[in-house]
Amino acid sequence: MFVHQLTEEQEMLRKAIQEFAARYPAEYWRMKDERREYPSEFVSDLMRSGWMGVNIPQEYGGAGYGVTETSIVLEELARSGGGFEAAGAAHASYFNATVLVKHASEELKLRYLPAIARGELRFQSLAITEQGSGFDTPSIRTLAAKQGDKYVINGSKVFISRILHTDLMLLLARTTPYEQAARRTGGMTLFLVDVRRAGDAIRIREIPNNVRRTVDTSELFIENLEVPEENIVGEVGRGFYHLLDVVNAERIDLAAECIGLGRLALSRA
């Protein structure tokens, strides 16, 4: 059986995140769950401490680590008293930041990645799913129409996490209507949306739930949302493929979180 041996630096990383997570014991998370409160203190501390920049390259202010290191961070966060909710905030930011690193223009990277790495911007939401499409992503109907140097987006999204606690959001919309796309997986484009500036163009309806009580899940109604053309991430019409390019690393991160949660359960047992 192959056993991966961590380097000295990776072991130091594990110890550092263990010490960080210990500042938020199970009692903190139980209190948040009982009050149905978002763990704002924990997330703000995570950002200030630089943990959101783990997978951002050093030239953009991050640590420049890879999948192994993000897995270490997420495993230890999930192993702490917060379980998946402790790891979720970092997980969301890691996924979104990786999409920017791999596919965004240099201008977008310079504008946003250093601020994310410094903990100044929350990058917590990814808007893909819609009513009627579910996991059949190509069937989404939210449409982005080009008007001059901007796109005007109309449609809706559902089951979007942390939209009430984010500054930036990745949004997948059709720039070619489904019926007109040469391939059903084509014609979709990724947009970086500054939620703070969206105003009434994004109407949010929170969906009550008794499962993830510390994380908001919402439905978004998007009406005439204007996004500058320079906020397109990657190539027009290839947003679906850009997302798939990052999913493999995300699944490894999810597996690490499951291991962390399993270790937490065994320690409690």
Protein backbone atom coordinates (compact mmCIF):
# COMPACT_ATOMS: atom_id res chain seq x y z
CA MET A 1 0.00 0.00 0.00
CA PHE A 2 1.33 3.42 -0.97
CA VAL A 3 1.45 5.88 1.91
CA HIS A 4 2.22 9.48 1.08
CA GLN A 5 4.73 10.97 3.50
CA LEU A 6 4.22 14.66 4.23
CA THR A 7 7.18 16.99 4.03
CA GLU A 8 8.38 18.90 7.07
CA GLU A 9 6.73 22.04 5.69
CA GLN A 10 3.43 20.21 5.19
CA GLU A 11 3.55 18.87 8.75
CA MET A 12 4.13 22.41 10.00
CA LEU A 13 1.13 23.51 7.96
CA ARG A 14 -1.00 20.80 9.57
CA LYS A 15 0.08 21.83 13.06
CA ALA A 16 -0.56 25.50 12.34
CA ILE A 17 -4.13 24.90 11.14
CA GLN A 18 -4.78 22.59 14.10
CA GLU A 19 -3.75 25.41 16.44
CA PHE A 20 -5.93 27.86 14.57
CA ALA A 21 -8.99 25.59 14.62
CA ALA A 22 -8.54 24.94 18.34
CA ARG A 23 -9.52 28.57 18.97
CA TYR A 24 -13.05 27.60 17.90
CA PRO A 25 -14.04 24.50 19.90
CA ALA A 26 -17.23 22.46 19.59
CA GLU A 27 -19.00 24.78 22.02
CA TYR A 28 -18.63 27.68 19.57
CA TRP A 29 -20.16 25.66 16.74
CA ARG A 30 -23.00 24.32 18.87
CA MET A 31 -23.84 27.88 19.88
CA LYS A 32 -23.86 28.99 16.23
CA ASP A 33 -26.05 26.07 15.27
CA GLU A 34 -28.55 26.72 18.06
CA ARG A 35 -28.78 30.39 17.11
CA ARG A 36 -28.77 29.66 13.36
CA GLU A 37 -25.92 32.13 12.98
CA TYR A 38 -23.23 32.29 10.33
CA PRO A 39 -19.77 31.78 11.93
CA SER A 40 -18.66 35.33 11.07
CA GLU A 41 -15.95 35.47 13.73
CA PHE A 42 -14.39 32.23 12.54
CA VAL A 43 -14.47 33.20 8.85
CA SER A 44 -13.08 36.69 9.52
CA ASP A 45 -10.26 35.16 11.57
CA LEU A 46 -9.62 32.61 8.80
CA MET A 47 -9.29 35.48 6.32
CA ARG A 48 -7.13 37.70 8.53
CA SER A 49 -4.80 34.81 9.27
CA GLY A 50 -4.11 34.27 5.57
CA TRP A 51 -5.74 30.87 5.23
CA MET A 52 -7.84 31.95 2.25
CA GLY A 53 -4.68 32.52 0.22
CA VAL A 54 -3.26 29.02 0.58
CA ASN A 55 -3.79 28.08 -3.08
CA ILE A 56 -3.23 31.53 -4.59
CA PRO A 57 0.19 31.89 -6.33
CA GLN A 58 2.85 33.89 -4.54
CA GLU A 59 2.97 36.52 -7.31
CA TYR A 60 -0.61 37.42 -6.34
CA GLY A 61 0.06 37.50 -2.61
CA GLY A 62 -0.83 33.93 -1.68
CA ALA A 63 1.15 31.00 -0.33
CA GLY A 64 1.36 29.25 -3.69
CA TYR A 65 0.46 25.80 -2.37
CA GLY A 66 -1.21 22.99 -4.30
CA VAL A 67 -3.88 20.36 -3.79
CA THR A 68 -2.00 18.45 -1.08
CA GLU A 69 -1.73 21.53 1.10
CA THR A 70 -5.34 22.63 0.61
CA SER A 71 -6.39 19.08 1.50
CA ILE A 72 -4.38 19.28 4.71
CA VAL A 73 -6.05 22.56 5.67
CA LEU A 74 -9.55 21.31 4.88
CA GLU A 75 -9.04 17.96 6.62
CA GLU A 76 -7.96 19.67 9.82
CA LEU A 77 -10.76 22.24 9.68
CA ALA A 78 -13.32 19.47 9.21
CA ARG A 79 -11.69 17.53 12.05
CA SER A 80 -12.25 20.47 14.38
CA GLY A 81 -15.50 21.04 16.24
CA GLY A 82 -17.04 22.74 13.22
CA GLY A 83 -16.88 19.77 10.86
CA PHE A 84 -17.97 20.57 7.32
CA GLU A 85 -19.14 24.06 8.27
CA ALA A 86 -15.63 24.97 9.45
CA ALA A 87 -14.09 23.70 6.22
CA GLY A 88 -16.80 25.02 3.93
CA ALA A 89 -15.80 28.68 3.97
CA ALA A 90 -12.24 27.87 2.90
CA HIS A 91 -13.39 25.22 0.44
CA ALA A 92 -15.64 27.68 -1.41
CA SER A 93 -12.91 30.29 -1.64
CA TYR A 94 -10.30 27.74 -2.78
CA PHE A 95 -12.53 26.51 -5.61
CA ASN A 96 -13.42 30.00 -6.83
CA ALA A 97 -9.86 31.29 -6.55
CA THR A 98 -8.56 28.30 -8.52
CA VAL A 99 -10.96 29.13 -11.36
CA LEU A 100 -9.53 32.66 -11.43
CA VAL A 101 -5.93 31.45 -11.26
CA LYS A 102 -6.39 29.01 -14.14
CA HIS A 103 -8.68 30.96 -16.44
CA ALA A 104 -9.06 34.66 -15.59
CA SER A 105 -7.29 37.46 -17.42
CA GLU A 106 -4.17 38.93 -15.87
CA GLU A 107 -6.13 42.11 -15.17
CA LEU A 108 -8.77 40.22 -13.17
CA LYS A 109 -6.12 38.26 -11.27
CA LEU A 110 -4.26 41.42 -10.26
CA ARG A 111 -7.47 43.19 -9.32
CA TYR A 112 -8.91 40.51 -7.06
CA LEU A 113 -6.50 37.73 -6.04
CA PRO A 114 -4.20 39.84 -3.80
CA ALA A 115 -7.19 41.23 -1.90
CA ILE A 116 -8.62 37.71 -1.46
CA ALA A 117 -5.23 36.46 -0.21
CA ARG A 118 -5.01 39.36 2.27
CA GLY A 119 -8.45 38.55 3.61
CA GLU A 120 -9.99 41.79 2.36
CA LEU A 121 -12.52 40.23 -0.01
CA ARG A 122 -14.86 37.32 0.66
CA PHE A 123 -15.15 34.98 -2.33
CA GLN A 124 -17.74 32.55 -1.00
CA SER A 125 -20.42 31.93 -3.63
CA LEU A 126 -20.75 30.01 -6.89
CA ALA A 127 -24.05 30.35 -8.78
CA ILE A 128 -24.71 27.49 -11.21
CA THR A 129 -27.85 25.55 -10.32
CA GLU A 130 -31.35 26.60 -11.33
CA GLN A 131 -34.90 25.41 -10.82
CA GLY A 132 -35.63 22.82 -13.47
CA SER A 133 -32.00 22.07 -14.30
CA GLY A 134 -30.62 20.50 -11.14
CA PHE A 135 -27.35 18.74 -11.93
CA ASP A 136 -28.07 18.98 -15.66
CA THR A 137 -25.99 22.14 -15.93
CA PRO A 138 -26.26 22.56 -19.73
CA SER A 139 -30.02 23.07 -19.38
CA ILE A 140 -29.64 26.34 -17.43
CA ARG A 141 -31.65 29.27 -18.79
CA THR A 142 -30.09 32.35 -17.18
CA LEU A 143 -29.08 34.49 -20.15
CA ALA A 144 -26.30 37.07 -20.52
CA ALA A 145 -26.83 39.41 -23.48
CA LYS A 146 -23.94 41.55 -24.73
CA GLN A 147 -24.69 45.26 -24.84
CA GLY A 148 -21.68 47.35 -25.83
CA ASP A 149 -18.85 46.78 -23.36
CA LYS A 150 -21.00 44.96 -20.82
CA TYR A 151 -23.32 41.98 -20.44
CA VAL A 152 -26.85 42.25 -19.07
CA ILE A 153 -27.89 39.10 -17.20
CA ASN A 154 -31.42 37.91 -16.47
CA GLY A 155 -32.57 34.68 -14.87
CA SER A 156 -32.53 32.88 -11.54
CA LYS A 157 -30.35 30.58 -9.45
CA VAL A 158 -31.21 28.31 -6.55
CA PHE A 159 -29.42 26.63 -3.63
CA ILE A 160 -26.67 29.24 -3.63
CA SER A 161 -24.64 29.14 -0.42
CA ARG A 162 -23.19 32.10 1.53
CA ILE A 163 -24.58 34.76 -0.81
CA LEU A 164 -25.48 36.78 2.30
CA HIS A 165 -21.84 36.65 3.42
CA THR A 166 -19.79 37.24 0.30
CA ASP A 167 -18.37 40.14 -1.69
CA LEU A 168 -17.71 38.26 -4.93
CA MET A 169 -19.56 35.50 -6.75
CA LEU A 170 -18.82 33.34 -9.77
CA LEU A 171 -21.92 33.08 -11.96
CA LEU A 172 -22.52 30.76 -14.89
CA ALA A 173 -24.90 32.06 -17.54
CA ARG A 174 -25.74 31.27 -21.13
CA THR A 175 -24.29 33.66 -23.68
CA THR A 176 -25.82 31.45 -26.35
CA PRO A 177 -29.39 30.22 -25.72
CA TYR A 178 -29.67 26.49 -25.18
CA GLU A 179 -31.62 25.95 -28.41
CA GLN A 180 -28.98 27.79 -30.46
CA ALA A 181 -25.84 26.22 -28.99
CA ALA A 182 -23.84 24.01 -31.35
CA ARG A 183 -23.18 21.67 -28.41
CA ARG A 184 -25.35 21.47 -25.31
CA THR A 185 -22.25 21.88 -23.13
CA GLY A 186 -21.19 25.00 -25.05
CA GLY A 187 -22.51 28.54 -25.00
CA MET A 188 -22.07 29.04 -21.24
CA THR A 189 -19.82 31.73 -19.81
CA LEU A 190 -18.43 32.44 -16.35
CA PHE A 191 -18.78 35.94 -14.90
CA LEU A 192 -17.14 37.42 -11.82
CA VAL A 193 -19.88 39.40 -10.08
CA ASP A 194 -19.23 42.02 -7.41
CA VAL A 195 -22.24 41.36 -5.20
CA ARG A 196 -21.69 44.60 -3.29
CA ARG A 197 -22.44 46.61 -6.42
CA ALA A 198 -25.32 44.53 -7.73
CA GLY A 199 -27.98 46.49 -5.85
CA ASP A 200 -31.56 45.59 -6.76
CA ALA A 201 -30.42 43.61 -9.80
CA ILE A 202 -30.02 40.56 -7.53
CA ARG A 203 -32.96 39.80 -5.27
CA ILE A 204 -32.21 37.20 -2.61
CA ARG A 205 -34.73 34.86 -0.99
CA GLU A 206 -33.23 32.79 1.78
CA ILE A 207 -34.34 29.13 1.84
CA PRO A 208 -35.00 27.91 5.42
CA ASN A 209 -33.39 24.61 6.28
CA ASN A 210 -32.77 22.47 9.34
CA VAL A 211 -29.68 20.71 8.03
CA ARG A 212 -27.02 23.39 7.49
CA ARG A 213 -28.27 25.87 10.04
CA THR A 214 -25.10 27.98 10.17
CA VAL A 215 -24.87 28.49 6.39
CA ASP A 216 -27.39 30.48 4.40
CA THR A 217 -28.79 28.90 1.24
CA SER A 218 -30.74 31.15 -1.08
CA GLU A 219 -32.58 31.56 -4.33
CA LEU A 220 -31.46 34.44 -6.54
CA PHE A 221 -33.66 36.40 -8.90
CA ILE A 222 -31.49 38.28 -11.38
CA GLU A 223 -32.96 41.17 -13.34
CA ASN A 224 -30.87 43.34 -15.65
CA LEU A 225 -27.62 42.68 -13.81
CA GLU A 226 -24.87 44.57 -15.61
CA VAL A 227 -21.42 42.96 -15.61
CA PRO A 228 -18.45 44.58 -17.42
CA GLU A 229 -17.04 42.57 -20.29
CA GLU A 230 -13.66 42.48 -18.56
CA ASN A 231 -15.26 40.46 -15.74
CA ILE A 232 -15.64 37.43 -17.97
CA VAL A 233 -13.56 34.56 -16.59
CA GLY A 234 -11.92 32.61 -19.38
CA GLU A 235 -13.37 32.32 -22.85
CA VAL A 236 -16.89 33.28 -23.85
CA GLY A 237 -18.93 30.12 -24.34
CA ARG A 238 -16.48 27.82 -22.51
CA GLY A 239 -17.50 28.41 -18.90
CA PHE A 240 -18.74 24.85 -18.41
CA TYR A 241 -15.35 23.46 -19.44
CA HIS A 242 -13.51 25.92 -17.20
CA LEU A 243 -15.52 24.63 -14.23
CA LEU A 244 -14.84 21.00 -15.13
CA ASP A 245 -11.13 21.83 -15.25
CA VAL A 246 -11.22 22.58 -11.52
CA VAL A 247 -13.64 19.91 -10.31
CA ASN A 248 -11.03 17.13 -9.97
CA ALA A 249 -9.03 19.10 -7.41
CA GLU A 250 -12.24 20.02 -5.59
CA ARG A 251 -13.23 16.36 -5.27
CA ILE A 252 -9.88 15.63 -3.64
CA ASP A 253 -10.50 18.49 -1.22
CA LEU A 254 -13.97 17.09 -0.46
CA ALA A 255 -12.45 13.67 0.22
CA ALA A 256 -10.02 15.28 2.67
CA GLU A 257 -12.93 16.93 4.47
CA CYS A 258 -14.69 13.56 4.72
CA ILE A 259 -11.56 12.05 6.25
CA GLY A 260 -11.37 14.91 8.73
CA LEU A 261 -15.01 14.49 9.67
CA GLY A 262 -14.50 10.74 10.07
CA ARG A 263 -11.56 11.35 12.39
CA LEU A 264 -13.70 13.77 14.39
CA ALA A 265 -16.46 11.15 14.72
CA LEU A 266 -14.00 8.48 15.84
CA SER A 267 -12.43 10.78 18.42
CA ARG A 268 -15.86 11.56 19.87
CA ALA A 269 -16.81 7.88 19.87
